[in-house]
Amino acid sequence: MTPSSTLTEPPARTAGGSAAARAARRRALLNWVAVHALAIAAALFFLLPFVFVFLTSVMNDQQALTTDYWPASWNWGNYGKVWDTPGFLTWWRNTLVYAGAGTLLTVLSSLPVAYALAKFRFRGRNLALMAVIAMMMLPPQVTVIPMYLFWAKQMGLGGSLWPLIIPTAFGDAFSIFLLRQFLLTIPKEYLEAARIDGCGDLRTLLRVVLPMAKPAIAAVALFQFFYCWNDYFGPQIYASDNHEAWTLSYGLESFKAAHHTNWNLTMAATLLVMAPVIVLFFFAQKAFIEGVTLTGVKG
């Protein structure tokens, strides 16, 4: 072996090793894509509409009416125009009040009922549970006329959001059922230990059950908040005659009708309406998924 051959062999081995490493990385990447192909396709299916809405929202008025997919100029001022639209801040305030109060009252009223159905033994418990399930199957369109006559005509609350907020203080069938399913998974030994320590039913609920039921409460709260935030049917029935009581979902329809040729502004308004829900779910998705998963452990 000559000295020159000895000097040239290590670079050859290094180049070969580098090529093998690149080939291994390519194979690993192809395997990963093959395994996650369905998930990637589903992600693109849900993500591309949001990308389209965003790109259209920053176009100018003329380009938004064309078939272009990429904005020629980034018009961030479209969001300022939407935000400065008369009534938009009022719609935001009304939606926050409706969603916040509705969520809080739903959780406060549904948790004790779910606790009683899950842990108490009393006559008629199964009948009460059947009534809750039956209410879940009852579409709101069936009761809208008698409810409207009661709240708008008898109580004089037409033109406001109170007919939508007040009923949440009396519990929600879906929330009660979801919380009950989770509370069934809490071992009774915890409750018996609390009673031995002198806790009554209410104190046991607040000190023992409530901390353990945080995932389910988070799931119920998110479900109710999303429902109230996106509710269009209720505000249309009760608040359509009063512009000061409109919510974002109903006001967005009016905004779209007033700017039916300005698709960039319509898309910007749509994003401003969706943004809080997306951000909230992004930060609370762990608790939400955990709560939904655990509520199906026992039936």
Protein backbone atom coordinates (compact mmCIF):
# COMPACT_ATOMS: atom_id res chain seq x y z
CA MET A 1 0.00 0.00 0.00
CA THR A 2 1.44 3.34 -1.05
CA PRO A 3 1.26 6.49 1.04
CA SER A 4 -0.90 8.18 -1.58
CA SER A 5 -3.53 5.44 -1.45
CA THR A 6 -3.57 5.63 2.32
CA LEU A 7 -4.34 9.33 2.18
CA THR A 8 -7.15 9.00 -0.33
CA GLU A 9 -9.09 6.16 1.32
CA PRO A 10 -10.68 8.06 4.27
CA PRO A 11 -12.32 10.74 2.06
CA ALA A 12 -13.81 7.96 -0.09
CA ARG A 13 -15.28 6.28 2.98
CA THR A 14 -16.61 9.64 4.24
CA ALA A 15 -18.30 10.42 0.94
CA GLY A 16 -19.82 6.97 0.85
CA GLY A 17 -21.05 7.31 4.40
CA SER A 18 -22.55 10.72 3.65
CA ALA A 19 -24.39 9.37 0.61
CA ALA A 20 -25.71 6.44 2.65
CA ALA A 21 -26.88 8.82 5.36
CA ARG A 22 -28.71 10.98 2.82
CA ALA A 23 -30.34 7.92 1.31
CA ALA A 24 -31.40 6.76 4.78
CA ARG A 25 -32.90 10.17 5.54
CA ARG A 26 -34.80 10.13 2.23
CA ARG A 27 -36.17 6.67 3.00
CA ALA A 28 -37.17 7.77 6.48
CA LEU A 29 -38.92 10.84 5.05
CA LEU A 30 -40.77 8.77 2.44
CA ASN A 31 -41.80 6.26 5.10
CA TRP A 32 -43.07 9.08 7.32
CA VAL A 33 -45.07 10.59 4.45
CA ALA A 34 -46.50 7.18 3.56
CA VAL A 35 -47.56 6.50 7.14
CA HIS A 36 -49.06 9.96 7.66
CA ALA A 37 -50.46 10.47 4.15
CA LEU A 38 -54.07 10.33 5.29
CA ALA A 39 -53.44 12.76 8.16
CA ILE A 40 -51.59 15.15 5.83
CA ALA A 41 -54.45 15.04 3.32
CA ALA A 42 -57.00 15.71 6.08
CA ALA A 43 -54.91 18.59 7.43
CA LEU A 44 -54.67 20.19 4.00
CA PHE A 45 -58.40 19.65 3.47
CA PHE A 46 -59.17 21.71 6.59
CA LEU A 47 -56.30 24.19 6.32
CA LEU A 48 -56.52 25.30 2.69
CA PRO A 49 -59.91 27.06 3.07
CA PHE A 50 -58.47 29.17 5.89
CA VAL A 51 -55.44 30.00 3.74
CA PHE A 52 -57.74 31.04 0.91
CA VAL A 53 -59.83 33.24 3.20
CA PHE A 54 -56.70 34.88 4.63
CA LEU A 55 -55.12 35.58 1.24
CA THR A 56 -58.36 37.05 -0.09
CA SER A 57 -58.74 39.24 3.01
CA VAL A 58 -55.50 41.13 2.28
CA MET A 59 -56.20 41.75 -1.43
CA ASN A 60 -57.41 45.06 -2.82
CA ASP A 61 -60.98 45.53 -3.99
CA GLN A 62 -60.24 44.85 -7.65
CA GLN A 63 -58.06 41.77 -7.22
CA ALA A 64 -60.52 40.15 -4.79
CA LEU A 65 -63.00 39.86 -7.69
CA THR A 66 -60.50 38.02 -9.90
CA THR A 67 -59.33 34.41 -9.91
CA ASP A 68 -55.94 35.30 -8.42
CA TYR A 69 -54.84 33.26 -5.43
CA TRP A 70 -51.89 35.36 -4.30
CA PRO A 71 -52.33 39.05 -3.35
CA ALA A 72 -50.46 41.54 -5.52
CA SER A 73 -50.17 43.81 -2.47
CA TRP A 74 -50.78 43.09 1.21
CA ASN A 75 -53.61 45.39 2.31
CA TRP A 76 -53.61 44.96 6.08
CA GLY A 77 -55.83 48.02 6.34
CA ASN A 78 -58.82 45.85 5.38
CA TYR A 79 -58.95 44.62 8.96
CA GLY A 80 -58.97 48.20 10.22
CA LYS A 81 -61.87 49.04 7.89
CA VAL A 82 -63.86 46.10 9.20
CA TRP A 83 -63.06 46.94 12.83
CA ASP A 84 -64.16 50.55 12.30
CA THR A 85 -67.47 49.50 10.75
CA PRO A 86 -70.35 51.06 12.73
CA GLY A 87 -71.76 48.47 15.10
CA PHE A 88 -68.91 45.96 14.85
CA LEU A 89 -67.64 46.63 18.38
CA THR A 90 -71.21 46.38 19.66
CA TRP A 91 -71.57 42.99 18.02
CA TRP A 92 -68.33 41.90 19.71
CA ARG A 93 -69.51 43.10 23.11
CA ASN A 94 -72.89 41.38 22.77
CA THR A 95 -71.29 38.13 21.65
CA LEU A 96 -68.84 38.15 24.56
CA VAL A 97 -71.66 38.79 27.03
CA TYR A 98 -73.83 36.08 25.50
CA ALA A 99 -71.06 33.49 25.24
CA GLY A 100 -69.47 34.31 28.61
CA ALA A 101 -72.68 34.46 30.64
CA GLY A 102 -74.19 31.48 28.84
CA THR A 103 -71.11 29.36 29.46
CA LEU A 104 -70.81 30.31 33.14
CA LEU A 105 -74.50 29.73 33.88
CA THR A 106 -74.52 26.43 32.00
CA VAL A 107 -71.60 25.05 33.99
CA LEU A 108 -72.96 26.28 37.34
CA SER A 109 -76.42 24.84 36.73
CA SER A 110 -75.44 21.57 35.02
CA LEU A 111 -72.74 20.34 37.42
CA PRO A 112 -75.00 19.83 40.50
CA VAL A 113 -77.62 18.02 38.41
CA ALA A 114 -74.97 15.76 36.85
CA TYR A 115 -73.53 15.09 40.31
CA ALA A 116 -76.92 14.07 41.65
CA LEU A 117 -77.63 11.78 38.69
CA ALA A 118 -74.21 10.15 38.95
CA LYS A 119 -73.73 9.70 42.70
CA PHE A 120 -77.10 9.94 44.47
CA ARG A 121 -79.59 7.09 44.81
CA PHE A 122 -83.17 8.35 44.78
CA ARG A 123 -86.52 7.32 43.43
CA GLY A 124 -87.03 8.39 39.84
CA ARG A 125 -83.32 8.81 39.04
CA ASN A 126 -83.52 6.69 35.88
CA LEU A 127 -86.65 8.54 34.80
CA ALA A 128 -84.84 11.86 35.27
CA LEU A 129 -81.91 10.58 33.20
CA MET A 130 -84.29 9.49 30.45
CA ALA A 131 -85.83 12.96 30.48
CA VAL A 132 -82.37 14.52 30.06
CA ILE A 133 -81.61 12.22 27.12
CA ALA A 134 -85.00 12.97 25.58
CA MET A 135 -84.26 16.71 25.79
CA MET A 136 -81.00 16.11 23.94
CA MET A 137 -82.95 14.58 21.06
CA LEU A 138 -85.49 17.41 20.91
CA PRO A 139 -84.56 19.93 18.18
CA PRO A 140 -84.81 23.60 19.22
CA GLN A 141 -87.08 24.37 16.25
CA VAL A 142 -89.84 22.37 17.97
CA THR A 143 -89.97 24.67 20.99
CA VAL A 144 -89.07 27.98 19.33
CA ILE A 145 -92.67 29.22 18.95
CA PRO A 146 -93.84 28.64 22.56
CA MET A 147 -90.49 29.91 23.87
CA TYR A 148 -90.76 33.05 21.75
CA LEU A 149 -94.33 33.69 22.89
CA PHE A 150 -93.27 33.32 26.52
CA TRP A 151 -90.08 35.39 26.49
CA ALA A 152 -91.00 38.03 23.92
CA LYS A 153 -94.73 38.42 24.50
CA GLN A 154 -95.33 37.43 28.11
CA MET A 155 -92.03 38.56 29.64
CA GLY A 156 -91.44 41.51 27.27
CA LEU A 157 -87.80 40.60 26.57
CA GLY A 158 -88.01 40.75 22.80
CA GLY A 159 -85.21 42.66 21.06
CA SER A 160 -82.58 41.48 23.58
CA LEU A 161 -80.36 38.50 24.28
CA TRP A 162 -81.87 37.75 27.68
CA PRO A 163 -84.22 35.05 26.29
CA LEU A 164 -81.06 33.21 25.23
CA ILE A 165 -79.03 33.81 28.40
CA ILE A 166 -81.61 33.18 31.13
CA PRO A 167 -82.52 29.59 30.11
CA THR A 168 -78.86 28.55 30.47
CA ALA A 169 -79.26 29.09 34.24
CA PHE A 170 -81.56 26.05 34.31
CA GLY A 171 -79.08 23.56 32.90
CA ASP A 172 -78.33 22.11 29.49
CA ALA A 173 -79.21 18.51 28.65
CA PHE A 174 -76.03 17.76 26.71
CA SER A 175 -73.82 19.33 29.38
CA ILE A 176 -75.57 17.39 32.15
CA PHE A 177 -75.16 14.12 30.29
CA LEU A 178 -71.50 14.77 29.48
CA LEU A 179 -70.66 15.71 33.09
CA ARG A 180 -72.59 12.73 34.46
CA GLN A 181 -70.58 10.36 32.27
CA PHE A 182 -67.37 11.73 33.70
CA LEU A 183 -68.54 11.79 37.31
CA LEU A 184 -69.37 8.09 37.05
CA THR A 185 -65.64 7.43 36.69
CA ILE A 186 -64.79 9.06 40.05
CA PRO A 187 -64.39 6.29 42.65
CA LYS A 188 -66.97 6.45 45.42
CA GLU A 189 -64.21 5.95 48.00
CA TYR A 190 -63.20 9.60 47.57
CA LEU A 191 -66.73 10.75 48.36
CA GLU A 192 -67.05 8.39 51.33
CA ALA A 193 -63.74 9.65 52.74
CA ALA A 194 -64.96 13.24 52.43
CA ARG A 195 -68.18 12.40 54.26
CA ILE A 196 -66.23 10.65 57.03
CA ASP A 197 -64.23 13.88 57.44
CA GLY A 198 -67.50 15.74 57.97
CA CYS A 199 -68.14 17.18 54.52
CA GLY A 200 -71.73 17.56 53.42
CA ASP A 201 -72.93 16.99 49.88
CA LEU A 202 -72.30 20.57 48.77
CA ARG A 203 -68.84 20.72 50.34
CA THR A 204 -67.96 17.34 48.83
CA LEU A 205 -68.98 18.65 45.44
CA LEU A 206 -66.88 21.81 45.80
CA ARG A 207 -63.82 20.36 47.54
CA VAL A 208 -63.55 16.87 46.04
CA VAL A 209 -65.61 16.49 42.87
CA LEU A 210 -64.97 19.91 41.33
CA PRO A 211 -61.13 19.65 41.25
CA MET A 212 -61.31 16.13 39.82
CA ALA A 213 -63.87 17.11 37.18
CA LYS A 214 -61.85 19.96 35.65
CA PRO A 215 -61.28 18.19 32.29
CA ALA A 216 -64.99 17.49 31.85
CA ILE A 217 -65.92 21.02 32.95
CA ALA A 218 -63.44 22.43 30.43
CA ALA A 219 -64.97 20.33 27.66
CA VAL A 220 -68.51 21.39 28.58
CA ALA A 221 -67.48 25.05 28.84
CA LEU A 222 -65.83 24.98 25.43
CA PHE A 223 -68.80 23.25 23.82
CA GLN A 224 -71.18 25.86 25.25
CA PHE A 225 -68.91 28.80 24.42
CA PHE A 226 -68.55 27.67 20.82
CA TYR A 227 -72.31 27.18 20.55
CA CYS A 228 -73.11 30.63 21.90
CA TRP A 229 -70.38 32.32 19.86
CA ASN A 230 -71.61 30.76 16.60
CA ASP A 231 -75.33 30.90 17.38
CA TYR A 232 -77.23 32.50 14.51
CA PHE A 233 -80.70 31.08 14.98
CA GLY A 234 -81.31 32.47 18.47
CA PRO A 235 -80.27 36.09 17.83
CA GLN A 236 -82.24 36.05 14.60
CA ILE A 237 -85.40 35.09 16.49
CA TYR A 238 -85.11 37.42 19.47
CA ALA A 239 -82.77 40.29 18.53
CA SER A 240 -83.26 40.88 14.82
CA ASP A 241 -85.38 44.00 15.40
CA ASN A 242 -82.79 45.69 17.62
CA HIS A 243 -79.43 46.50 16.03
CA GLU A 244 -77.93 47.18 19.45
CA ALA A 245 -78.50 43.53 20.44
CA TRP A 246 -76.98 41.86 17.38
CA THR A 247 -74.20 39.33 17.79
CA LEU A 248 -71.24 38.72 15.49
CA SER A 249 -72.86 35.76 13.74
CA TYR A 250 -75.97 37.77 12.87
CA GLY A 251 -74.11 41.02 12.23
CA LEU A 252 -71.73 39.25 9.84
CA GLU A 253 -74.68 38.41 7.60
CA SER A 254 -75.66 42.09 7.53
CA PHE A 255 -72.04 43.07 6.83
CA LYS A 256 -71.84 40.62 3.94
CA ALA A 257 -75.05 41.99 2.44
CA ALA A 258 -73.71 45.56 2.66
CA HIS A 259 -70.31 44.60 1.13
CA HIS A 260 -71.39 41.87 -1.28
CA THR A 261 -68.88 43.05 -3.91
CA ASN A 262 -66.01 43.60 -1.46
CA TRP A 263 -64.95 40.02 -0.90
CA ASN A 264 -61.72 41.14 0.73
CA LEU A 265 -63.61 42.96 3.49
CA THR A 266 -66.04 40.07 3.88
CA MET A 267 -63.17 37.62 4.31
CA ALA A 268 -61.43 39.96 6.77
CA ALA A 269 -64.63 40.18 8.83
CA THR A 270 -64.97 36.40 8.73
CA LEU A 271 -61.46 35.95 10.10
CA LEU A 272 -62.06 38.48 12.87
CA VAL A 273 -65.15 36.54 13.90
CA MET A 274 -63.38 33.16 13.81
CA ALA A 275 -60.10 34.27 15.43
CA PRO A 276 -61.19 34.14 19.13
CA VAL A 277 -62.64 30.65 18.74
CA ILE A 278 -59.52 29.35 17.00
CA VAL A 279 -57.19 30.91 19.58
CA LEU A 280 -59.28 29.61 22.50
CA PHE A 281 -59.35 26.07 21.13
CA PHE A 282 -55.61 26.20 20.40
CA PHE A 283 -54.79 26.95 24.04
CA ALA A 284 -57.47 24.70 25.55
CA GLN A 285 -57.31 21.74 23.17
CA LYS A 286 -55.47 19.51 25.67
CA ALA A 287 -58.12 19.92 28.37
CA PHE A 288 -60.89 19.70 25.77
CA ILE A 289 -59.67 16.42 24.25
CA GLU A 290 -58.95 14.95 27.68
CA GLY A 291 -62.44 15.84 28.90
CA VAL A 292 -64.20 14.44 25.85
CA THR A 293 -62.15 11.23 26.04
CA LEU A 294 -62.70 10.61 29.74
CA THR A 295 -66.44 11.19 29.57
CA GLY A 296 -66.79 8.08 27.44
CA VAL A 297 -65.02 5.68 29.80
CA LYS A 298 -68.18 4.45 31.52
CA GLY A 299 -71.81 4.52 30.52
